[in-house]
Amino acid sequence: MTEAFSDFNGVEIFYAICASVGGFFVLLRMILQFFGGEADAFDGDVDIDVDATHTNTDVGFKVLSLHALSAFFMMFGLVGLALYRQSASGFTPSILGGLVAGAISVWIIGKLFKLASGLESSGTKDTSAAVGRAGTVYQRIPKGGSGRVSVPSMSRECDARTNDGEELESGTPVKILEVHANVLIVEKLL
């Protein structure tokens, strides 16, 4: 192995180390994600958990994260080494090229994570989307009190009160008039 790097000078060794360390962490992160694990190591606390039954859907990306730093160093090292050794462009152009390539890779990864986070959904609709829809009293609404209404189009039950303060029995069809602090205001359908 030392024969392959025997003709490298100090700058080329620096680029090769950056590319190797960055590439190692990119590869490690890919392997851990493939098996449902996670590794958080930037804050000084290293947790490597592998849980085959639960995968984390949080695809958060920060500029100072293991994703960003490993991608930056990998691309910085690869492009810097290629410019310095293959193109013989000199030290300054290779440093600048490596920095630009590293920054672009961080930017691209950030955009990919932002796109992926846009695909995430809680699976429930906002309560305000129930206005104007029909539902059924699930739990009796007492006079002047609150009960629960099932809204089939939203697949959920919500706290509810009547608009006139009257009692409604379970099974009564209702129309949702408005929403106040996640409490539905309903009226009996005729």
N, C-alpha and C. Protein backbone atom coordinates (compact mmCIF):
# COMPACT_ATOMS: atom_id res chain seq x y z
N MET A 1 0.82 -1.19 0.00
CA MET A 1 0.00 0.00 0.00
C MET A 1 0.87 1.25 0.00
N THR A 2 1.97 1.21 0.72
CA THR A 2 2.85 2.38 0.75
C THR A 2 3.51 2.61 -0.60
N GLU A 3 3.63 1.56 -1.43
CA GLU A 3 4.20 1.73 -2.75
C GLU A 3 3.32 2.61 -3.63
N ALA A 4 2.00 2.49 -3.46
CA ALA A 4 1.07 3.28 -4.26
C ALA A 4 1.17 4.76 -3.94
N PHE A 5 1.49 5.08 -2.71
CA PHE A 5 1.58 6.48 -2.29
C PHE A 5 3.02 6.97 -2.12
N SER A 6 3.97 6.20 -2.56
CA SER A 6 5.38 6.55 -2.33
C SER A 6 5.80 7.80 -3.10
N ASP A 7 5.17 8.07 -4.24
CA ASP A 7 5.55 9.25 -5.00
C ASP A 7 4.67 10.47 -4.69
N PHE A 8 3.81 10.37 -3.66
CA PHE A 8 2.98 11.51 -3.25
C PHE A 8 3.81 12.46 -2.40
N ASN A 9 3.63 13.76 -2.63
CA ASN A 9 4.26 14.74 -1.75
C ASN A 9 3.29 15.09 -0.61
N GLY A 10 3.63 16.01 0.25
CA GLY A 10 2.82 16.34 1.42
C GLY A 10 1.43 16.83 1.08
N VAL A 11 1.31 17.67 0.05
CA VAL A 11 0.00 18.21 -0.35
C VAL A 11 -0.89 17.09 -0.85
N GLU A 12 -0.34 16.19 -1.65
CA GLU A 12 -1.12 15.08 -2.19
C GLU A 12 -1.56 14.12 -1.09
N ILE A 13 -0.71 13.91 -0.11
CA ILE A 13 -1.08 13.06 1.03
C ILE A 13 -2.21 13.71 1.83
N PHE A 14 -2.14 15.04 2.01
CA PHE A 14 -3.21 15.77 2.70
C PHE A 14 -4.55 15.58 1.99
N TYR A 15 -4.56 15.76 0.67
CA TYR A 15 -5.80 15.56 -0.11
C TYR A 15 -6.30 14.12 -0.01
N ALA A 16 -5.38 13.17 -0.07
CA ALA A 16 -5.77 11.75 0.01
C ALA A 16 -6.36 11.43 1.37
N ILE A 17 -5.80 11.98 2.43
CA ILE A 17 -6.34 11.74 3.78
C ILE A 17 -7.74 12.35 3.90
N CYS A 18 -7.91 13.58 3.41
CA CYS A 18 -9.24 14.21 3.44
C CYS A 18 -10.27 13.38 2.69
N ALA A 19 -9.90 12.92 1.49
CA ALA A 19 -10.82 12.11 0.69
C ALA A 19 -11.12 10.79 1.37
N SER A 20 -10.11 10.16 1.99
CA SER A 20 -10.31 8.87 2.66
C SER A 20 -11.19 8.99 3.90
N VAL A 21 -10.92 9.99 4.73
CA VAL A 21 -11.72 10.17 5.95
C VAL A 21 -13.15 10.53 5.58
N GLY A 22 -13.34 11.48 4.66
CA GLY A 22 -14.69 11.84 4.23
C GLY A 22 -15.42 10.68 3.59
N GLY A 23 -14.73 9.95 2.72
CA GLY A 23 -15.34 8.79 2.06
C GLY A 23 -15.70 7.69 3.04
N PHE A 24 -14.87 7.49 4.07
CA PHE A 24 -15.18 6.49 5.09
C PHE A 24 -16.49 6.81 5.80
N PHE A 25 -16.65 8.08 6.19
CA PHE A 25 -17.87 8.45 6.91
C PHE A 25 -19.11 8.46 6.01
N VAL A 26 -18.93 8.81 4.74
CA VAL A 26 -20.06 8.72 3.80
C VAL A 26 -20.48 7.26 3.66
N LEU A 27 -19.52 6.37 3.49
CA LEU A 27 -19.81 4.94 3.37
C LEU A 27 -20.43 4.38 4.65
N LEU A 28 -19.88 4.76 5.80
CA LEU A 28 -20.43 4.31 7.09
C LEU A 28 -21.87 4.77 7.25
N ARG A 29 -22.14 6.01 6.91
CA ARG A 29 -23.50 6.55 7.04
C ARG A 29 -24.46 5.80 6.12
N MET A 30 -24.03 5.50 4.91
CA MET A 30 -24.89 4.75 3.98
C MET A 30 -25.18 3.36 4.50
N ILE A 31 -24.18 2.68 5.05
CA ILE A 31 -24.38 1.33 5.60
C ILE A 31 -25.33 1.38 6.78
N LEU A 32 -25.14 2.34 7.69
CA LEU A 32 -26.02 2.45 8.86
C LEU A 32 -27.46 2.75 8.44
N GLN A 33 -27.65 3.62 7.45
CA GLN A 33 -29.00 3.93 7.01
C GLN A 33 -29.64 2.73 6.32
N PHE A 34 -28.85 1.94 5.62
CA PHE A 34 -29.38 0.75 4.96
C PHE A 34 -29.93 -0.24 5.98
N PHE A 35 -29.26 -0.36 7.12
CA PHE A 35 -29.69 -1.30 8.15
C PHE A 35 -30.57 -0.66 9.22
N GLY A 36 -30.97 0.59 9.03
CA GLY A 36 -31.88 1.25 9.97
C GLY A 36 -31.19 1.82 11.18
N GLY A 37 -29.91 2.06 11.11
CA GLY A 37 -29.18 2.62 12.25
C GLY A 37 -28.98 4.10 12.09
N GLU A 38 -28.42 4.70 13.12
CA GLU A 38 -28.11 6.11 13.06
C GLU A 38 -26.84 6.37 13.85
N ALA A 39 -26.14 7.41 13.47
CA ALA A 39 -24.92 7.79 14.18
C ALA A 39 -24.89 9.30 14.32
N ASP A 40 -24.91 9.77 15.54
CA ASP A 40 -24.83 11.19 15.81
C ASP A 40 -23.53 11.44 16.53
N ALA A 41 -22.59 12.07 15.84
CA ALA A 41 -21.27 12.20 16.44
C ALA A 41 -20.73 13.61 16.44
N PHE A 42 -21.49 14.60 16.01
CA PHE A 42 -20.91 15.93 15.94
C PHE A 42 -20.89 16.64 17.29
N ASP A 43 -21.84 16.36 18.15
CA ASP A 43 -21.91 17.05 19.42
C ASP A 43 -21.01 16.42 20.48
N GLY A 44 -20.14 15.52 20.08
CA GLY A 44 -19.24 14.89 21.02
C GLY A 44 -19.80 13.62 21.62
N ASP A 45 -21.08 13.39 21.44
CA ASP A 45 -21.73 12.20 21.96
C ASP A 45 -21.94 11.23 20.80
N VAL A 46 -21.30 10.10 20.86
CA VAL A 46 -21.39 9.13 19.77
C VAL A 46 -22.39 8.06 20.16
N ASP A 47 -23.49 8.00 19.41
CA ASP A 47 -24.51 6.98 19.61
C ASP A 47 -24.66 6.22 18.31
N ILE A 48 -24.40 4.94 18.35
CA ILE A 48 -24.63 4.12 17.17
C ILE A 48 -25.64 3.07 17.58
N ASP A 49 -26.87 3.24 17.06
CA ASP A 49 -27.96 2.34 17.40
C ASP A 49 -28.44 1.67 16.12
N VAL A 50 -28.62 0.38 16.17
CA VAL A 50 -29.19 -0.33 15.05
C VAL A 50 -30.48 -0.96 15.54
N ASP A 51 -31.58 -0.55 14.93
CA ASP A 51 -32.89 -1.03 15.32
C ASP A 51 -33.61 -1.45 14.05
N ALA A 52 -33.75 -2.73 13.84
CA ALA A 52 -34.35 -3.25 12.60
C ALA A 52 -35.85 -3.04 12.55
N THR A 53 -36.48 -2.76 13.67
CA THR A 53 -37.94 -2.61 13.67
C THR A 53 -38.39 -1.18 13.51
N HIS A 54 -37.50 -0.22 13.68
CA HIS A 54 -37.91 1.18 13.60
C HIS A 54 -36.84 1.98 12.88
N THR A 55 -37.23 2.67 11.83
CA THR A 55 -36.30 3.55 11.16
C THR A 55 -36.71 4.98 11.43
N ASN A 56 -35.75 5.83 11.56
CA ASN A 56 -36.00 7.22 11.86
C ASN A 56 -36.34 7.95 10.57
N THR A 57 -37.49 8.62 10.52
CA THR A 57 -37.88 9.34 9.33
C THR A 57 -37.44 10.79 9.36
N ASP A 58 -36.71 11.17 10.40
CA ASP A 58 -36.21 12.53 10.47
C ASP A 58 -35.01 12.64 9.55
N VAL A 59 -35.16 13.43 8.51
CA VAL A 59 -34.08 13.58 7.56
C VAL A 59 -33.46 14.96 7.69
N GLY A 60 -33.34 15.40 8.91
CA GLY A 60 -32.80 16.72 9.17
C GLY A 60 -31.39 16.86 8.67
N PHE A 61 -31.10 18.01 8.11
CA PHE A 61 -29.76 18.28 7.59
C PHE A 61 -29.34 19.64 8.10
N LYS A 62 -28.17 19.69 8.66
CA LYS A 62 -27.59 20.94 9.11
C LYS A 62 -26.23 21.08 8.45
N VAL A 63 -25.78 22.31 8.30
CA VAL A 63 -24.50 22.55 7.65
C VAL A 63 -23.37 21.89 8.44
N LEU A 64 -23.44 21.92 9.75
CA LEU A 64 -22.41 21.28 10.57
C LEU A 64 -22.90 19.93 11.08
N SER A 65 -23.10 19.02 10.16
CA SER A 65 -23.53 17.68 10.52
C SER A 65 -22.52 16.68 9.97
N LEU A 66 -22.66 15.44 10.40
CA LEU A 66 -21.76 14.39 9.90
C LEU A 66 -21.93 14.23 8.39
N HIS A 67 -23.17 14.34 7.91
CA HIS A 67 -23.42 14.27 6.46
C HIS A 67 -22.61 15.34 5.73
N ALA A 68 -22.77 16.57 6.16
CA ALA A 68 -22.15 17.70 5.46
C ALA A 68 -20.63 17.65 5.53
N LEU A 69 -20.11 17.43 6.72
CA LEU A 69 -18.65 17.43 6.88
C LEU A 69 -17.99 16.29 6.11
N SER A 70 -18.59 15.11 6.15
CA SER A 70 -17.99 13.99 5.42
C SER A 70 -18.07 14.21 3.91
N ALA A 71 -19.20 14.73 3.41
CA ALA A 71 -19.31 15.01 1.98
C ALA A 71 -18.32 16.10 1.56
N PHE A 72 -18.20 17.14 2.40
CA PHE A 72 -17.26 18.22 2.08
C PHE A 72 -15.83 17.70 1.99
N PHE A 73 -15.39 16.96 3.01
CA PHE A 73 -14.01 16.49 3.00
C PHE A 73 -13.74 15.49 1.89
N MET A 74 -14.71 14.64 1.59
CA MET A 74 -14.53 13.68 0.52
C MET A 74 -14.33 14.40 -0.82
N MET A 75 -15.24 15.34 -1.13
CA MET A 75 -15.14 16.05 -2.40
C MET A 75 -13.94 17.00 -2.44
N PHE A 76 -13.65 17.65 -1.32
CA PHE A 76 -12.49 18.53 -1.24
C PHE A 76 -11.21 17.73 -1.55
N GLY A 77 -11.08 16.57 -0.92
CA GLY A 77 -9.90 15.74 -1.13
C GLY A 77 -9.80 15.20 -2.54
N LEU A 78 -10.91 14.68 -3.07
CA LEU A 78 -10.87 14.10 -4.42
C LEU A 78 -10.58 15.13 -5.49
N VAL A 79 -11.30 16.25 -5.45
CA VAL A 79 -11.10 17.28 -6.48
C VAL A 79 -9.75 17.97 -6.30
N GLY A 80 -9.37 18.24 -5.06
CA GLY A 80 -8.06 18.85 -4.82
C GLY A 80 -6.93 17.97 -5.32
N LEU A 81 -7.01 16.68 -5.03
CA LEU A 81 -5.99 15.74 -5.49
C LEU A 81 -5.96 15.65 -7.01
N ALA A 82 -7.13 15.59 -7.62
CA ALA A 82 -7.19 15.50 -9.08
C ALA A 82 -6.62 16.76 -9.73
N LEU A 83 -6.95 17.92 -9.21
CA LEU A 83 -6.42 19.16 -9.78
C LEU A 83 -4.92 19.29 -9.56
N TYR A 84 -4.46 18.92 -8.39
CA TYR A 84 -3.04 19.07 -8.08
C TYR A 84 -2.18 18.05 -8.82
N ARG A 85 -2.62 16.80 -8.81
CA ARG A 85 -1.78 15.72 -9.36
C ARG A 85 -2.00 15.53 -10.86
N GLN A 86 -3.24 15.42 -11.29
CA GLN A 86 -3.52 15.09 -12.68
C GLN A 86 -3.43 16.32 -13.60
N SER A 87 -3.99 17.44 -13.12
CA SER A 87 -4.00 18.63 -13.97
C SER A 87 -2.76 19.49 -13.78
N ALA A 88 -2.00 19.20 -12.73
CA ALA A 88 -0.78 19.97 -12.41
C ALA A 88 -1.07 21.46 -12.39
N SER A 89 -2.20 21.82 -11.77
CA SER A 89 -2.61 23.23 -11.76
C SER A 89 -2.01 24.02 -10.61
N GLY A 90 -1.31 23.39 -9.71
CA GLY A 90 -0.67 24.10 -8.62
C GLY A 90 -1.46 24.04 -7.33
N PHE A 91 -0.83 24.53 -6.27
CA PHE A 91 -1.42 24.44 -4.94
C PHE A 91 -2.67 25.31 -4.77
N THR A 92 -2.58 26.59 -5.11
CA THR A 92 -3.71 27.51 -4.90
C THR A 92 -4.94 27.12 -5.72
N PRO A 93 -4.82 26.85 -7.01
CA PRO A 93 -6.01 26.44 -7.78
C PRO A 93 -6.62 25.12 -7.26
N SER A 94 -5.76 24.21 -6.79
CA SER A 94 -6.29 22.94 -6.30
C SER A 94 -7.04 23.14 -4.98
N ILE A 95 -6.54 24.02 -4.12
CA ILE A 95 -7.25 24.33 -2.86
C ILE A 95 -8.59 24.98 -3.18
N LEU A 96 -8.58 25.98 -4.06
CA LEU A 96 -9.82 26.67 -4.43
C LEU A 96 -10.81 25.71 -5.09
N GLY A 97 -10.32 24.88 -6.00
CA GLY A 97 -11.19 23.90 -6.65
C GLY A 97 -11.78 22.92 -5.65
N GLY A 98 -10.96 22.46 -4.70
CA GLY A 98 -11.45 21.55 -3.66
C GLY A 98 -12.48 22.20 -2.77
N LEU A 99 -12.24 23.46 -2.39
CA LEU A 99 -13.21 24.18 -1.56
C LEU A 99 -14.54 24.38 -2.29
N VAL A 100 -14.46 24.74 -3.57
CA VAL A 100 -15.69 24.92 -4.36
C VAL A 100 -16.43 23.59 -4.50
N ALA A 101 -15.72 22.52 -4.80
CA ALA A 101 -16.36 21.21 -4.95
C ALA A 101 -16.99 20.75 -3.63
N GLY A 102 -16.29 20.97 -2.52
CA GLY A 102 -16.84 20.61 -1.22
C GLY A 102 -18.09 21.41 -0.90
N ALA A 103 -18.06 22.71 -1.16
CA ALA A 103 -19.23 23.56 -0.90
C ALA A 103 -20.41 23.16 -1.78
N ILE A 104 -20.15 22.85 -3.04
CA ILE A 104 -21.23 22.43 -3.94
C ILE A 104 -21.83 21.10 -3.47
N SER A 105 -21.01 20.18 -3.02
CA SER A 105 -21.56 18.89 -2.55
C SER A 105 -22.42 19.09 -1.30
N VAL A 106 -22.00 19.98 -0.39
CA VAL A 106 -22.81 20.28 0.79
C VAL A 106 -24.13 20.92 0.37
N TRP A 107 -24.08 21.83 -0.59
CA TRP A 107 -25.29 22.49 -1.07
C TRP A 107 -26.24 21.48 -1.72
N ILE A 108 -25.71 20.58 -2.55
CA ILE A 108 -26.55 19.58 -3.21
C ILE A 108 -27.18 18.64 -2.18
N ILE A 109 -26.40 18.19 -1.22
CA ILE A 109 -26.95 17.29 -0.20
C ILE A 109 -28.01 18.01 0.62
N GLY A 110 -27.78 19.29 0.93
CA GLY A 110 -28.78 20.07 1.66
C GLY A 110 -30.09 20.17 0.89
N LYS A 111 -30.00 20.41 -0.42
CA LYS A 111 -31.21 20.48 -1.26
C LYS A 111 -31.93 19.13 -1.31
N LEU A 112 -31.17 18.03 -1.40
CA LEU A 112 -31.79 16.71 -1.42
C LEU A 112 -32.52 16.41 -0.11
N PHE A 113 -31.91 16.78 1.02
CA PHE A 113 -32.55 16.56 2.30
C PHE A 113 -33.80 17.43 2.45
N LYS A 114 -33.74 18.65 1.93
CA LYS A 114 -34.91 19.53 1.98
C LYS A 114 -36.05 18.95 1.15
N LEU A 115 -35.73 18.43 -0.02
CA LEU A 115 -36.75 17.78 -0.85
C LEU A 115 -37.34 16.56 -0.16
N ALA A 116 -36.47 15.76 0.46
CA ALA A 116 -36.95 14.56 1.15
C ALA A 116 -37.82 14.91 2.35
N SER A 117 -37.48 15.98 3.06
CA SER A 117 -38.29 16.35 4.22
C SER A 117 -39.66 16.85 3.79
N GLY A 118 -39.77 17.37 2.58
CA GLY A 118 -41.06 17.81 2.06
C GLY A 118 -42.00 16.65 1.78
N LEU A 119 -41.46 15.45 1.67
CA LEU A 119 -42.29 14.27 1.40
C LEU A 119 -42.91 13.71 2.68
N GLU A 120 -42.42 14.15 3.83
CA GLU A 120 -42.90 13.62 5.10
C GLU A 120 -44.25 14.23 5.44
N SER A 121 -45.14 13.42 5.98
CA SER A 121 -46.48 13.88 6.36
C SER A 121 -46.89 13.19 7.65
N SER A 122 -47.66 13.89 8.45
CA SER A 122 -48.13 13.29 9.71
C SER A 122 -49.25 12.30 9.46
N GLY A 123 -49.88 12.37 8.29
CA GLY A 123 -50.95 11.43 7.98
C GLY A 123 -52.32 11.92 8.42
N THR A 124 -52.38 13.04 9.09
CA THR A 124 -53.67 13.59 9.50
C THR A 124 -53.84 14.96 8.87
N LYS A 125 -55.07 15.34 8.69
CA LYS A 125 -55.36 16.65 8.13
C LYS A 125 -55.52 17.67 9.24
N ASP A 126 -55.33 18.91 8.89
CA ASP A 126 -55.50 20.00 9.83
C ASP A 126 -56.97 20.07 10.24
N THR A 127 -57.22 20.34 11.52
CA THR A 127 -58.60 20.38 12.03
C THR A 127 -59.43 21.42 11.29
N SER A 128 -58.84 22.52 10.87
CA SER A 128 -59.60 23.56 10.17
C SER A 128 -60.14 23.07 8.83
N ALA A 129 -59.59 21.97 8.30
CA ALA A 129 -60.08 21.41 7.05
C ALA A 129 -61.45 20.75 7.21
N ALA A 130 -61.91 20.59 8.44
CA ALA A 130 -63.20 19.94 8.70
C ALA A 130 -64.39 20.87 8.50
N VAL A 131 -64.15 22.18 8.44
CA VAL A 131 -65.24 23.15 8.31
C VAL A 131 -66.03 22.86 7.04
N GLY A 132 -67.36 22.77 7.20
CA GLY A 132 -68.26 22.50 6.09
C GLY A 132 -68.51 21.03 5.84
N ARG A 133 -67.82 20.16 6.51
CA ARG A 133 -67.98 18.71 6.32
C ARG A 133 -69.02 18.16 7.27
N ALA A 134 -69.47 16.96 6.94
CA ALA A 134 -70.44 16.27 7.78
C ALA A 134 -69.72 15.31 8.71
N GLY A 135 -70.32 15.07 9.85
CA GLY A 135 -69.76 14.14 10.81
C GLY A 135 -70.88 13.51 11.63
N THR A 136 -70.50 12.70 12.59
CA THR A 136 -71.46 12.02 13.46
C THR A 136 -70.99 12.19 14.91
N VAL A 137 -71.96 12.45 15.79
CA VAL A 137 -71.61 12.57 17.20
C VAL A 137 -71.14 11.20 17.67
N TYR A 138 -69.92 11.14 18.16
CA TYR A 138 -69.30 9.90 18.61
C TYR A 138 -69.54 9.72 20.11
N GLN A 139 -69.37 10.79 20.85
CA GLN A 139 -69.62 10.79 22.29
C GLN A 139 -70.60 11.93 22.55
N ARG A 140 -71.66 11.64 23.27
CA ARG A 140 -72.76 12.60 23.51
C ARG A 140 -72.22 13.98 23.87
N ILE A 141 -72.87 14.99 23.27
CA ILE A 141 -72.54 16.37 23.60
C ILE A 141 -73.61 16.86 24.58
N PRO A 142 -73.27 17.04 25.87
CA PRO A 142 -74.27 17.49 26.84
C PRO A 142 -74.64 18.96 26.63
N LYS A 143 -75.75 19.36 27.17
CA LYS A 143 -76.22 20.74 27.06
C LYS A 143 -75.17 21.67 27.67
N GLY A 144 -74.67 22.61 26.85
CA GLY A 144 -73.67 23.57 27.31
C GLY A 144 -72.27 22.98 27.46
N GLY A 145 -72.09 21.71 27.15
CA GLY A 145 -70.78 21.06 27.33
C GLY A 145 -70.17 20.64 26.01
N SER A 146 -69.21 19.77 26.11
CA SER A 146 -68.57 19.29 24.89
C SER A 146 -68.52 17.77 24.88
N GLY A 147 -68.49 17.23 23.68
CA GLY A 147 -68.39 15.79 23.46
C GLY A 147 -67.39 15.55 22.35
N ARG A 148 -67.62 14.47 21.60
CA ARG A 148 -66.71 14.17 20.50
C ARG A 148 -67.51 13.88 19.24
N VAL A 149 -66.93 14.30 18.12
CA VAL A 149 -67.55 14.09 16.82
C VAL A 149 -66.57 13.35 15.94
N SER A 150 -67.08 12.35 15.23
CA SER A 150 -66.28 11.59 14.28
C SER A 150 -66.42 12.25 12.91
N VAL A 151 -65.28 12.54 12.27
CA VAL A 151 -65.29 13.14 10.94
C VAL A 151 -64.71 12.10 9.99
N PRO A 152 -65.56 11.33 9.30
CA PRO A 152 -65.08 10.23 8.46
C PRO A 152 -64.12 10.66 7.36
N SER A 153 -64.33 11.81 6.75
CA SER A 153 -63.45 12.25 5.66
C SER A 153 -62.04 12.57 6.15
N MET A 154 -61.87 12.77 7.46
CA MET A 154 -60.55 13.05 8.03
C MET A 154 -60.03 11.86 8.84
N SER A 155 -60.85 10.84 9.01
CA SER A 155 -60.47 9.64 9.76
C SER A 155 -60.02 9.97 11.18
N ARG A 156 -60.77 10.82 11.85
CA ARG A 156 -60.43 11.15 13.23
C ARG A 156 -61.65 11.64 14.00
N GLU A 157 -61.53 11.61 15.33
CA GLU A 157 -62.54 12.16 16.21
C GLU A 157 -61.98 13.41 16.86
N CYS A 158 -62.85 14.42 17.02
CA CYS A 158 -62.41 15.69 17.59
C CYS A 158 -63.38 16.12 18.68
N ASP A 159 -62.88 16.91 19.62
CA ASP A 159 -63.75 17.52 20.62
C ASP A 159 -64.71 18.45 19.90
N ALA A 160 -65.96 18.51 20.40
CA ALA A 160 -66.97 19.33 19.73
C ALA A 160 -67.98 19.89 20.71
N ARG A 161 -68.54 21.04 20.34
CA ARG A 161 -69.65 21.68 21.05
C ARG A 161 -70.68 22.08 20.01
N THR A 162 -71.92 22.25 20.46
CA THR A 162 -72.95 22.70 19.53
C THR A 162 -72.94 24.22 19.47
N ASN A 163 -73.42 24.76 18.35
CA ASN A 163 -73.43 26.21 18.17
C ASN A 163 -74.49 26.88 19.04
N ASP A 164 -75.54 26.14 19.40
CA ASP A 164 -76.61 26.72 20.22
C ASP A 164 -76.60 26.21 21.67
N GLY A 165 -75.61 25.40 22.03
CA GLY A 165 -75.49 24.91 23.40
C GLY A 165 -76.44 23.76 23.74
N GLU A 166 -77.17 23.23 22.75
CA GLU A 166 -78.12 22.15 23.00
C GLU A 166 -77.42 20.80 23.04
N GLU A 167 -78.12 19.83 23.60
CA GLU A 167 -77.59 18.46 23.73
C GLU A 167 -77.78 17.69 22.42
N LEU A 168 -76.77 16.88 22.09
CA LEU A 168 -76.88 15.98 20.93
C LEU A 168 -76.45 14.59 21.38
N GLU A 169 -77.26 13.60 21.03
CA GLU A 169 -77.00 12.22 21.41
C GLU A 169 -76.00 11.57 20.43
N SER A 170 -75.37 10.50 20.86
CA SER A 170 -74.46 9.74 20.00
C SER A 170 -75.18 9.26 18.76
N GLY A 171 -74.51 9.30 17.63
CA GLY A 171 -75.08 8.85 16.37
C GLY A 171 -75.80 9.95 15.61
N THR A 172 -75.94 11.14 16.17
CA THR A 172 -76.63 12.24 15.49
C THR A 172 -75.72 12.81 14.39
N PRO A 173 -76.26 12.93 13.16
CA PRO A 173 -75.46 13.52 12.09
C PRO A 173 -75.34 15.04 12.30
N VAL A 174 -74.13 15.57 12.08
CA VAL A 174 -73.89 17.00 12.30
C VAL A 174 -73.09 17.59 11.15
N LYS A 175 -73.12 18.91 11.07
CA LYS A 175 -72.31 19.65 10.11
C LYS A 175 -71.35 20.52 10.92
N ILE A 176 -70.09 20.53 10.52
CA ILE A 176 -69.08 21.32 11.22
C ILE A 176 -69.14 22.75 10.68
N LEU A 177 -69.39 23.72 11.58
CA LEU A 177 -69.52 25.11 11.20
C LEU A 177 -68.20 25.88 11.29
N GLU A 178 -67.48 25.68 12.38
CA GLU A 178 -66.22 26.38 12.59
C GLU A 178 -65.34 25.61 13.56
N VAL A 179 -64.12 26.08 13.71
CA VAL A 179 -63.16 25.45 14.63
C VAL A 179 -62.59 26.54 15.53
N HIS A 180 -62.66 26.32 16.85
CA HIS A 180 -62.07 27.23 17.83
C HIS A 180 -61.10 26.44 18.70
N ALA A 181 -59.82 26.73 18.57
CA ALA A 181 -58.78 26.06 19.37
C ALA A 181 -58.92 24.54 19.31
N ASN A 182 -59.05 24.00 18.11
CA ASN A 182 -59.18 22.56 17.85
C ASN A 182 -60.46 21.95 18.42
N VAL A 183 -61.45 22.77 18.76
CA VAL A 183 -62.77 22.27 19.17
C VAL A 183 -63.74 22.63 18.05
N LEU A 184 -64.43 21.61 17.54
CA LEU A 184 -65.37 21.82 16.44
C LEU A 184 -66.67 22.41 16.98
N ILE A 185 -67.21 23.38 16.27
CA ILE A 185 -68.53 23.93 16.56
C ILE A 185 -69.45 23.32 15.52
N VAL A 186 -70.48 22.57 15.99
CA VAL A 186 -71.32 21.80 15.07
C VAL A 186 -72.78 22.19 15.23
N GLU A 187 -73.56 21.83 14.21
CA GLU A 187 -75.01 21.95 14.29
C GLU A 187 -75.61 20.66 13.78
N LYS A 188 -76.78 20.34 14.32
CA LYS A 188 -77.48 19.11 13.94
C LYS A 188 -77.97 19.22 12.50
N LEU A 189 -77.71 18.15 11.73
CA LEU A 189 -78.24 18.09 10.36
C LEU A 189 -79.69 17.68 10.42
N LEU A 190 -80.49 18.32 9.61
CA LEU A 190 -81.92 18.03 9.60
C LEU A 190 -82.25 16.92 8.67
